[in-house]
Full PDB file with SEQRES, HELIX, SHEET, SSBOND, CRYST1, ORIGX, SCALE, CONECT and MASTER records, all heavy atoms in Angstrom:
SEQRES   1 A   34  ILE ILE ARG THR ASP TRP ASP THR GLY PHE LYS GLU GLY          
SEQRES   2 A   34  ARG GLN TYR GLY ARG GLY LYS SER GLY GLY GLN VAL ARG          
SEQRES   3 A   34  ASP GLU TYR ARG GLN ASP TYR ASP                              
HELIX    1 AA1 VAL A   25  TYR A   29  1                                   5    
CRYST1    1.000    1.000    1.000  90.00  90.00  90.00 P 1           1          
ORIGX1      1.000000  0.000000  0.000000        0.00000                         
ORIGX2      0.000000  1.000000  0.000000        0.00000                         
ORIGX3      0.000000  0.000000  1.000000        0.00000                         
SCALE1      1.000000  0.000000  0.000000        0.00000                         
SCALE2      0.000000  1.000000  0.000000        0.00000                         
SCALE3      0.000000  0.000000  1.000000        0.00000                         
ATOM      1  N   ILE A   1     152.112  81.542 168.988  1.00  0.00           N  
ATOM      2  CA  ILE A   1     150.717  81.820 169.303  1.00  0.00           C  
ATOM      3  C   ILE A   1     150.152  80.575 169.991  1.00  0.00           C  
ATOM      4  O   ILE A   1     150.096  79.507 169.388  1.00  0.00           O  
ATOM      5  CB  ILE A   1     149.887  82.142 168.037  1.00  0.00           C  
ATOM      6  CG1 ILE A   1     150.478  83.326 167.291  1.00  0.00           C  
ATOM      7  CG2 ILE A   1     148.421  82.372 168.408  1.00  0.00           C  
ATOM      8  CD1 ILE A   1     150.435  84.631 168.032  1.00  0.00           C  
ATOM      9  N   ILE A   2     149.765  80.728 171.257  1.00  0.00           N  
ATOM     10  CA  ILE A   2     149.270  79.583 172.012  1.00  0.00           C  
ATOM     11  C   ILE A   2     147.751  79.536 171.940  1.00  0.00           C  
ATOM     12  O   ILE A   2     147.088  80.533 171.672  1.00  0.00           O  
ATOM     13  CB  ILE A   2     149.738  79.613 173.478  1.00  0.00           C  
ATOM     14  CG1 ILE A   2     149.258  80.893 174.185  1.00  0.00           C  
ATOM     15  CG2 ILE A   2     151.247  79.466 173.552  1.00  0.00           C  
ATOM     16  CD1 ILE A   2     149.447  80.873 175.670  1.00  0.00           C  
ATOM     17  N   ARG A   3     147.212  78.360 172.203  1.00  0.00           N  
ATOM     18  CA  ARG A   3     145.764  78.204 172.248  1.00  0.00           C  
ATOM     19  C   ARG A   3     145.399  77.531 173.567  1.00  0.00           C  
ATOM     20  O   ARG A   3     146.139  76.696 174.083  1.00  0.00           O  
ATOM     21  CB  ARG A   3     145.249  77.405 171.062  1.00  0.00           C  
ATOM     22  CG  ARG A   3     145.742  75.996 170.996  1.00  0.00           C  
ATOM     23  CD  ARG A   3     145.152  75.242 169.809  1.00  0.00           C  
ATOM     24  NE  ARG A   3     145.638  73.887 169.789  1.00  0.00           N  
ATOM     25  CZ  ARG A   3     145.141  72.904 170.538  1.00  0.00           C  
ATOM     26  NH1 ARG A   3     144.133  73.120 171.343  1.00  0.00           N  
ATOM     27  NH2 ARG A   3     145.652  71.694 170.478  1.00  0.00           N  
ATOM     28  N   THR A   4     144.277  77.942 174.095  1.00  0.00           N  
ATOM     29  CA  THR A   4     143.792  77.337 175.331  1.00  0.00           C  
ATOM     30  C   THR A   4     142.431  76.716 175.076  1.00  0.00           C  
ATOM     31  O   THR A   4     141.689  77.153 174.199  1.00  0.00           O  
ATOM     32  CB  THR A   4     143.665  78.384 176.470  1.00  0.00           C  
ATOM     33  OG1 THR A   4     142.738  79.397 176.072  1.00  0.00           O  
ATOM     34  CG2 THR A   4     145.005  79.016 176.791  1.00  0.00           C  
ATOM     35  N   ASP A   5     142.138  75.699 175.841  1.00  0.00           N  
ATOM     36  CA  ASP A   5     140.840  75.044 175.758  1.00  0.00           C  
ATOM     37  C   ASP A   5     140.534  74.480 177.136  1.00  0.00           C  
ATOM     38  O   ASP A   5     141.440  74.246 177.942  1.00  0.00           O  
ATOM     39  CB  ASP A   5     140.861  73.918 174.726  1.00  0.00           C  
ATOM     40  CG  ASP A   5     139.496  73.627 174.132  1.00  0.00           C  
ATOM     41  OD1 ASP A   5     138.483  74.143 174.662  1.00  0.00           O  
ATOM     42  OD2 ASP A   5     139.431  72.881 173.146  1.00  0.00           O  
ATOM     43  N   TRP A   6     139.268  74.278 177.413  1.00  0.00           N  
ATOM     44  CA  TRP A   6     138.878  73.708 178.696  1.00  0.00           C  
ATOM     45  C   TRP A   6     139.332  72.270 178.773  1.00  0.00           C  
ATOM     46  O   TRP A   6     139.356  71.552 177.774  1.00  0.00           O  
ATOM     47  CB  TRP A   6     137.352  73.782 178.878  1.00  0.00           C  
ATOM     48  CG  TRP A   6     136.881  75.171 179.057  1.00  0.00           C  
ATOM     49  CD1 TRP A   6     136.177  75.921 178.156  1.00  0.00           C  
ATOM     50  CD2 TRP A   6     137.095  76.009 180.198  1.00  0.00           C  
ATOM     51  NE1 TRP A   6     135.949  77.173 178.680  1.00  0.00           N  
ATOM     52  CE2 TRP A   6     136.498  77.252 179.926  1.00  0.00           C  
ATOM     53  CE3 TRP A   6     137.742  75.829 181.411  1.00  0.00           C  
ATOM     54  CZ2 TRP A   6     136.522  78.302 180.827  1.00  0.00           C  
ATOM     55  CZ3 TRP A   6     137.777  76.881 182.316  1.00  0.00           C  
ATOM     56  CH2 TRP A   6     137.165  78.107 182.025  1.00  0.00           C  
ATOM     57  N   ASP A   7     139.689  71.836 179.972  1.00  0.00           N  
ATOM     58  CA  ASP A   7     140.060  70.457 180.222  1.00  0.00           C  
ATOM     59  C   ASP A   7     139.229  69.945 181.381  1.00  0.00           C  
ATOM     60  O   ASP A   7     138.880  70.711 182.285  1.00  0.00           O  
ATOM     61  CB  ASP A   7     141.554  70.362 180.556  1.00  0.00           C  
ATOM     62  CG  ASP A   7     142.013  68.931 180.595  1.00  0.00           C  
ATOM     63  OD1 ASP A   7     142.199  68.351 179.509  1.00  0.00           O  
ATOM     64  OD2 ASP A   7     142.151  68.382 181.705  1.00  0.00           O  
ATOM     65  N   THR A   8     138.928  68.667 181.370  1.00  0.00           N  
ATOM     66  CA  THR A   8     138.072  68.097 182.415  1.00  0.00           C  
ATOM     67  C   THR A   8     138.764  68.022 183.771  1.00  0.00           C  
ATOM     68  O   THR A   8     138.115  67.783 184.782  1.00  0.00           O  
ATOM     69  CB  THR A   8     137.604  66.680 182.026  1.00  0.00           C  
ATOM     70  OG1 THR A   8     138.748  65.877 181.749  1.00  0.00           O  
ATOM     71  CG2 THR A   8     136.679  66.727 180.831  1.00  0.00           C  
ATOM     72  N   GLY A   9     140.044  68.255 183.804  1.00  0.00           N  
ATOM     73  CA  GLY A   9     140.809  68.197 185.049  1.00  0.00           C  
ATOM     74  C   GLY A   9     141.940  67.204 184.898  1.00  0.00           C  
ATOM     75  O   GLY A   9     141.763  66.127 184.329  1.00  0.00           O  
ATOM     76  N   PHE A  10     143.098  67.580 185.379  1.00  0.00           N  
ATOM     77  CA  PHE A  10     144.280  66.743 185.213  1.00  0.00           C  
ATOM     78  C   PHE A  10     144.185  65.478 186.054  1.00  0.00           C  
ATOM     79  O   PHE A  10     143.788  65.515 187.209  1.00  0.00           O  
ATOM     80  CB  PHE A  10     145.540  67.522 185.598  1.00  0.00           C  
ATOM     81  CG  PHE A  10     146.768  66.685 185.505  1.00  0.00           C  
ATOM     82  CD1 PHE A  10     147.331  66.398 184.278  1.00  0.00           C  
ATOM     83  CD2 PHE A  10     147.342  66.149 186.640  1.00  0.00           C  
ATOM     84  CE1 PHE A  10     148.456  65.593 184.182  1.00  0.00           C  
ATOM     85  CE2 PHE A  10     148.469  65.348 186.563  1.00  0.00           C  
ATOM     86  CZ  PHE A  10     149.022  65.069 185.331  1.00  0.00           C  
ATOM     87  N   LYS A  11     144.551  64.364 185.428  1.00  0.00           N  
ATOM     88  CA  LYS A  11     144.690  63.088 186.123  1.00  0.00           C  
ATOM     89  C   LYS A  11     146.059  62.530 185.764  1.00  0.00           C  
ATOM     90  O   LYS A  11     146.523  62.692 184.635  1.00  0.00           O  
ATOM     91  CB  LYS A  11     143.590  62.120 185.697  1.00  0.00           C  
ATOM     92  CG  LYS A  11     142.218  62.520 186.207  1.00  0.00           C  
ATOM     93  CD  LYS A  11     141.177  61.467 185.883  1.00  0.00           C  
ATOM     94  CE  LYS A  11     139.801  61.797 186.400  1.00  0.00           C  
ATOM     95  NZ  LYS A  11     139.376  63.153 186.381  1.00  0.00           N  
ATOM     96  N   GLU A  12     146.697  61.904 186.718  1.00  0.00           N  
ATOM     97  CA  GLU A  12     148.040  61.354 186.500  1.00  0.00           C  
ATOM     98  C   GLU A  12     148.069  60.487 185.235  1.00  0.00           C  
ATOM     99  O   GLU A  12     147.153  59.701 184.992  1.00  0.00           O  
ATOM    100  CB  GLU A  12     148.465  60.526 187.719  1.00  0.00           C  
ATOM    101  CG  GLU A  12     149.912  60.097 187.689  1.00  0.00           C  
ATOM    102  CD  GLU A  12     150.892  61.248 187.608  1.00  0.00           C  
ATOM    103  OE1 GLU A  12     150.682  62.290 188.266  1.00  0.00           O  
ATOM    104  OE2 GLU A  12     151.873  61.116 186.856  1.00  0.00           O  
ATOM    105  N   GLY A  13     149.095  60.668 184.441  1.00  0.00           N  
ATOM    106  CA  GLY A  13     149.254  59.943 183.184  1.00  0.00           C  
ATOM    107  C   GLY A  13     148.912  60.789 181.972  1.00  0.00           C  
ATOM    108  O   GLY A  13     149.378  60.522 180.868  1.00  0.00           O  
ATOM    109  N   ARG A  14     148.100  61.826 182.178  1.00  0.00           N  
ATOM    110  CA  ARG A  14     147.696  62.675 181.046  1.00  0.00           C  
ATOM    111  C   ARG A  14     148.780  63.657 180.648  1.00  0.00           C  
ATOM    112  O   ARG A  14     148.647  64.363 179.651  1.00  0.00           O  
ATOM    113  CB  ARG A  14     146.405  63.436 181.384  1.00  0.00           C  
ATOM    114  CG  ARG A  14     145.227  62.466 181.487  1.00  0.00           C  
ATOM    115  CD  ARG A  14     143.888  63.134 181.391  1.00  0.00           C  
ATOM    116  NE  ARG A  14     143.757  63.912 180.190  1.00  0.00           N  
ATOM    117  CZ  ARG A  14     143.218  65.130 180.166  1.00  0.00           C  
ATOM    118  NH1 ARG A  14     142.772  65.683 181.259  1.00  0.00           N  
ATOM    119  NH2 ARG A  14     143.115  65.791 179.044  1.00  0.00           N  
ATOM    120  N   GLN A  15     149.865  63.735 181.420  1.00  0.00           N  
ATOM    121  CA  GLN A  15     150.938  64.663 181.072  1.00  0.00           C  
ATOM    122  C   GLN A  15     151.790  64.134 179.920  1.00  0.00           C  
ATOM    123  O   GLN A  15     152.621  64.850 179.401  1.00  0.00           O  
ATOM    124  CB  GLN A  15     151.819  64.971 182.283  1.00  0.00           C  
ATOM    125  CG  GLN A  15     152.709  63.822 182.746  1.00  0.00           C  
ATOM    126  CD  GLN A  15     152.063  62.957 183.797  1.00  0.00           C  
ATOM    127  OE1 GLN A  15     150.862  62.723 183.782  1.00  0.00           O  
ATOM    128  NE2 GLN A  15     152.863  62.465 184.724  1.00  0.00           N  
ATOM    129  N   TYR A  16     151.545  62.893 179.497  1.00  0.00           N  
ATOM    130  CA  TYR A  16     152.360  62.316 178.436  1.00  0.00           C  
ATOM    131  C   TYR A  16     151.678  62.433 177.078  1.00  0.00           C  
ATOM    132  O   TYR A  16     150.460  62.288 176.957  1.00  0.00           O  
ATOM    133  CB  TYR A  16     152.651  60.838 178.741  1.00  0.00           C  
ATOM    134  CG  TYR A  16     153.421  60.679 180.021  1.00  0.00           C  
ATOM    135  CD1 TYR A  16     152.839  60.084 181.125  1.00  0.00           C  
ATOM    136  CD2 TYR A  16     154.725  61.168 180.139  1.00  0.00           C  
ATOM    137  CE1 TYR A  16     153.541  59.952 182.313  1.00  0.00           C  
ATOM    138  CE2 TYR A  16     155.428  61.048 181.322  1.00  0.00           C  
ATOM    139  CZ  TYR A  16     154.830  60.443 182.402  1.00  0.00           C  
ATOM    140  OH  TYR A  16     155.525  60.329 183.577  1.00  0.00           O  
ATOM    141  N   GLY A  17     152.502  62.694 176.045  1.00  0.00           N  
ATOM    142  CA  GLY A  17     151.996  62.764 174.684  1.00  0.00           C  
ATOM    143  C   GLY A  17     151.368  61.441 174.281  1.00  0.00           C  
ATOM    144  O   GLY A  17     151.775  60.373 174.749  1.00  0.00           O  
ATOM    145  N   ARG A  18     150.386  61.501 173.403  1.00  0.00           N  
ATOM    146  CA  ARG A  18     149.647  60.306 172.991  1.00  0.00           C  
ATOM    147  C   ARG A  18     150.068  59.778 171.627  1.00  0.00           C  
ATOM    148  O   ARG A  18     149.492  58.839 171.119  1.00  0.00           O  
ATOM    149  CB  ARG A  18     148.147  60.616 172.973  1.00  0.00           C  
ATOM    150  CG  ARG A  18     147.608  60.934 174.343  1.00  0.00           C  
ATOM    151  CD  ARG A  18     146.149  61.310 174.250  1.00  0.00           C  
ATOM    152  NE  ARG A  18     145.580  61.568 175.566  1.00  0.00           N  
ATOM    153  CZ  ARG A  18     144.386  62.071 175.763  1.00  0.00           C  
ATOM    154  NH1 ARG A  18     143.609  62.378 174.730  1.00  0.00           N  
ATOM    155  NH2 ARG A  18     143.936  62.279 176.982  1.00  0.00           N  
ATOM    156  N   GLY A  19     151.081  60.405 171.045  1.00  0.00           N  
ATOM    157  CA  GLY A  19     151.545  59.941 169.742  1.00  0.00           C  
ATOM    158  C   GLY A  19     152.311  58.639 169.841  1.00  0.00           C  
ATOM    159  O   GLY A  19     152.835  58.276 170.895  1.00  0.00           O  
ATOM    160  N   LYS A  20     152.404  57.909 168.726  1.00  0.00           N  
ATOM    161  CA  LYS A  20     153.113  56.624 168.702  1.00  0.00           C  
ATOM    162  C   LYS A  20     154.590  56.784 169.044  1.00  0.00           C  
ATOM    163  O   LYS A  20     155.207  55.886 169.603  1.00  0.00           O  
ATOM    164  CB  LYS A  20     152.969  55.981 167.322  1.00  0.00           C  
ATOM    165  CG  LYS A  20     151.565  55.513 167.035  1.00  0.00           C  
ATOM    166  CD  LYS A  20     151.446  54.934 165.645  1.00  0.00           C  
ATOM    167  CE  LYS A  20     150.000  54.588 165.392  1.00  0.00           C  
ATOM    168  NZ  LYS A  20     149.625  54.692 164.018  1.00  0.00           N  
ATOM    169  N   SER A  21     155.158  57.943 168.709  1.00  0.00           N  
ATOM    170  CA  SER A  21     156.580  58.164 168.976  1.00  0.00           C  
ATOM    171  C   SER A  21     156.821  58.763 170.362  1.00  0.00           C  
ATOM    172  O   SER A  21     157.961  59.046 170.720  1.00  0.00           O  
ATOM    173  CB  SER A  21     157.174  59.072 167.899  1.00  0.00           C  
ATOM    174  OG  SER A  21     156.558  60.345 167.956  1.00  0.00           O  
ATOM    175  N   GLY A  22     155.764  58.994 171.138  1.00  0.00           N  
ATOM    176  CA  GLY A  22     155.915  59.509 172.490  1.00  0.00           C  
ATOM    177  C   GLY A  22     155.470  60.937 172.679  1.00  0.00           C  
ATOM    178  O   GLY A  22     155.122  61.345 173.770  1.00  0.00           O  
ATOM    179  N   GLY A  23     155.501  61.732 171.596  1.00  0.00           N  
ATOM    180  CA  GLY A  23     155.086  63.134 171.674  1.00  0.00           C  
ATOM    181  C   GLY A  23     153.620  63.305 171.312  1.00  0.00           C  
ATOM    182  O   GLY A  23     152.826  62.382 171.452  1.00  0.00           O  
ATOM    183  N   GLN A  24     153.301  64.498 170.824  1.00  0.00           N  
ATOM    184  CA  GLN A  24     151.922  64.755 170.422  1.00  0.00           C  
ATOM    185  C   GLN A  24     151.650  64.186 169.038  1.00  0.00           C  
ATOM    186  O   GLN A  24     152.516  64.183 168.164  1.00  0.00           O  
ATOM    187  CB  GLN A  24     151.644  66.258 170.427  1.00  0.00           C  
ATOM    188  CG  GLN A  24     151.554  66.825 171.830  1.00  0.00           C  
ATOM    189  CD  GLN A  24     151.075  68.251 171.793  1.00  0.00           C  
ATOM    190  OE1 GLN A  24     151.855  69.157 171.592  1.00  0.00           O  
ATOM    191  NE2 GLN A  24     149.787  68.436 171.970  1.00  0.00           N  
ATOM    192  N   VAL A  25     150.432  63.746 168.836  1.00  0.00           N  
ATOM    193  CA  VAL A  25     150.029  63.163 167.562  1.00  0.00           C  
ATOM    194  C   VAL A  25     150.242  64.165 166.430  1.00  0.00           C  
ATOM    195  O   VAL A  25     150.776  63.823 165.377  1.00  0.00           O  
ATOM    196  CB  VAL A  25     148.552  62.687 167.613  1.00  0.00           C  
ATOM    197  CG1 VAL A  25     148.076  62.219 166.255  1.00  0.00           C  
ATOM    198  CG2 VAL A  25     148.381  61.600 168.662  1.00  0.00           C  
ATOM    199  N   ARG A  26     149.877  65.435 166.656  1.00  0.00           N  
ATOM    200  CA  ARG A  26     149.991  66.423 165.580  1.00  0.00           C  
ATOM    201  C   ARG A  26     151.429  66.623 165.125  1.00  0.00           C  
ATOM    202  O   ARG A  26     151.691  66.980 163.989  1.00  0.00           O  
ATOM    203  CB  ARG A  26     149.361  67.749 165.999  1.00  0.00           C  
ATOM    204  CG  ARG A  26     150.120  68.474 167.102  1.00  0.00           C  
ATOM    205  CD  ARG A  26     149.444  69.768 167.494  1.00  0.00           C  
ATOM    206  NE  ARG A  26     149.642  70.749 166.471  1.00  0.00           N  
ATOM    207  CZ  ARG A  26     150.283  71.889 166.637  1.00  0.00           C  
ATOM    208  NH1 ARG A  26     150.740  72.217 167.809  1.00  0.00           N  
ATOM    209  NH2 ARG A  26     150.437  72.717 165.651  1.00  0.00           N  
ATOM    210  N   ASP A  27     152.404  66.400 166.011  1.00  0.00           N  
ATOM    211  CA  ASP A  27     153.807  66.565 165.628  1.00  0.00           C  
ATOM    212  C   ASP A  27     154.330  65.373 164.825  1.00  0.00           C  
ATOM    213  O   ASP A  27     155.371  65.468 164.195  1.00  0.00           O  
ATOM    214  CB  ASP A  27     154.676  66.797 166.861  1.00  0.00           C  
ATOM    215  CG  ASP A  27     154.523  68.205 167.407  1.00  0.00           C  
ATOM    216  OD1 ASP A  27     154.491  69.145 166.594  1.00  0.00           O  
ATOM    217  OD2 ASP A  27     154.420  68.360 168.622  1.00  0.00           O  
ATOM    218  N   GLU A  28     153.624  64.279 164.842  1.00  0.00           N  
ATOM    219  CA  GLU A  28     154.035  63.143 164.023  1.00  0.00           C  
ATOM    220  C   GLU A  28     153.717  63.389 162.555  1.00  0.00           C  
ATOM    221  O   GLU A  28     154.454  62.975 161.678  1.00  0.00           O  
ATOM    222  CB  GLU A  28     153.348  61.866 164.504  1.00  0.00           C  
ATOM    223  CG  GLU A  28     153.840  61.465 165.881  1.00  0.00           C  
ATOM    224  CD  GLU A  28     153.256  60.170 166.379  1.00  0.00           C  
ATOM    225  OE1 GLU A  28     152.248  59.693 165.826  1.00  0.00           O  
ATOM    226  OE2 GLU A  28     153.825  59.642 167.341  1.00  0.00           O  
ATOM    227  N   TYR A  29     152.636  64.080 162.279  1.00  0.00           N  
ATOM    228  CA  TYR A  29     152.176  64.266 160.905  1.00  0.00           C  
ATOM    229  C   TYR A  29     152.577  65.604 160.291  1.00  0.00           C  
ATOM    230  O   TYR A  29     152.380  65.814 159.104  1.00  0.00           O  
ATOM    231  CB  TYR A  29     150.646  64.099 160.854  1.00  0.00           C  
ATOM    232  CG  TYR A  29     150.238  62.705 161.230  1.00  0.00           C  
ATOM    233  CD1 TYR A  29     149.753  62.420 162.505  1.00  0.00           C  
ATOM    234  CD2 TYR A  29     150.379  61.648 160.340  1.00  0.00           C  
ATOM    235  CE1 TYR A  29     149.412  61.127 162.873  1.00  0.00           C  
ATOM    236  CE2 TYR A  29     150.036  60.352 160.690  1.00  0.00           C  
ATOM    237  CZ  TYR A  29     149.554  60.103 161.950  1.00  0.00           C  
ATOM    238  OH  TYR A  29     149.224  58.822 162.310  1.00  0.00           O  
ATOM    239  N   ARG A  30     153.129  66.488 161.095  1.00  0.00           N  
ATOM    240  CA  ARG A  30     153.500  67.816 160.604  1.00  0.00           C  
ATOM    241  C   ARG A  30     154.608  67.697 159.555  1.00  0.00           C  
ATOM    242  O   ARG A  30     155.604  67.020 159.764  1.00  0.00           O  
ATOM    243  CB  ARG A  30     153.966  68.658 161.806  1.00  0.00           C  
ATOM    244  CG  ARG A  30     154.180  70.096 161.540  1.00  0.00           C  
ATOM    245  CD  ARG A  30     154.423  70.887 162.816  1.00  0.00           C  
ATOM    246  NE  ARG A  30     155.199  70.208 163.846  1.00  0.00           N  
ATOM    247  CZ  ARG A  30     156.521  70.026 163.794  1.00  0.00           C  
ATOM    248  NH1 ARG A  30     157.206  70.451 162.776  1.00  0.00           N  
ATOM    249  NH2 ARG A  30     157.144  69.393 164.771  1.00  0.00           N  
ATOM    250  N   GLN A  31     154.427  68.357 158.391  1.00  0.00           N  
ATOM    251  CA  GLN A  31     155.393  68.299 157.294  1.00  0.00           C  
ATOM    252  C   GLN A  31     156.333  69.504 157.268  1.00  0.00           C  
ATOM    253  O   GLN A  31     157.362  69.467 156.626  1.00  0.00           O  
ATOM    254  CB  GLN A  31     154.656  68.215 155.948  1.00  0.00           C  
ATOM    255  CG  GLN A  31     153.874  66.938 155.762  1.00  0.00           C  
ATOM    256  CD  GLN A  31     154.763  65.715 155.643  1.00  0.00           C  
ATOM    257  OE1 GLN A  31     155.789  65.740 154.989  1.00  0.00           O  
ATOM    258  NE2 GLN A  31     154.364  64.639 156.299  1.00  0.00           N  
ATOM    259  N   ASP A  32     155.963  70.571 157.986  1.00  0.00           N  
ATOM    260  CA  ASP A  32     156.781  71.781 157.963  1.00  0.00           C  
ATOM    261  C   ASP A  32     157.923  71.692 158.972  1.00  0.00           C  
ATOM    262  O   ASP A  32     157.900  70.883 159.887  1.00  0.00           O  
ATOM    263  CB  ASP A  32     155.927  73.019 158.258  1.00  0.00           C  
ATOM    264  CG  ASP A  32     155.290  72.964 159.637  1.00  0.00           C  
ATOM    265  OD1 ASP A  32     154.822  71.884 160.036  1.00  0.00           O  
ATOM    266  OD2 ASP A  32     155.267  74.010 160.316  1.00  0.00           O  
ATOM    267  N   TYR A  33     158.924  72.527 158.779  1.00  0.00           N  
ATOM    268  CA  TYR A  33     160.050  72.595 159.702  1.00  0.00           C  
ATOM    269  C   TYR A  33     159.729  73.621 160.772  1.00  0.00           C  
ATOM    270  O   TYR A  33     159.475  74.776 160.480  1.00  0.00           O  
ATOM    271  CB  TYR A  33     161.337  72.984 158.959  1.00  0.00           C  
ATOM    272  CG  TYR A  33     162.536  73.012 159.872  1.00  0.00           C  
ATOM    273  CD1 TYR A  33     163.148  71.828 160.255  1.00  0.00           C  
ATOM    274  CD2 TYR A  33     163.031  74.213 160.358  1.00  0.00           C  
ATOM    275  CE1 TYR A  33     164.241  71.833 161.103  1.00  0.00           C  
ATOM    276  CE2 TYR A  33     164.126  74.226 161.215  1.00  0.00           C  
ATOM    277  CZ  TYR A  33     164.722  73.038 161.577  1.00  0.00           C  
ATOM    278  OH  TYR A  33     165.797  73.038 162.428  1.00  0.00           O  
ATOM    279  N   ASP A  34     159.732  73.203 162.020  1.00  0.00           N  
ATOM    280  CA  ASP A  34     159.426  74.080 163.146  1.00  0.00           C  
ATOM    281  C   ASP A  34     160.490  73.852 164.222  1.00  0.00           C  
ATOM    282  O   ASP A  34     160.405  72.879 164.986  1.00  0.00           O  
ATOM    283  CB  ASP A  34     158.030  73.774 163.682  1.00  0.00           C  
ATOM    284  CG  ASP A  34     157.560  74.770 164.731  1.00  0.00           C  
ATOM    285  OD1 ASP A  34     158.391  75.508 165.295  1.00  0.00           O  
ATOM    286  OD2 ASP A  34     156.343  74.797 164.996  1.00  0.00           O  
TER     287      ASP A  34                                                      
MASTER        0    0    0    1    0    0    0    6  286    1    0    3          
END                                                                             
């Protein structure tokens, strides 16, 4: 199930995850197996 939200417009560099490990922040803290 995907979710969409408005974005201010793509700028170079925003294609990279912002988490400390390189991916998305939410995937760093997720405890479930996906």
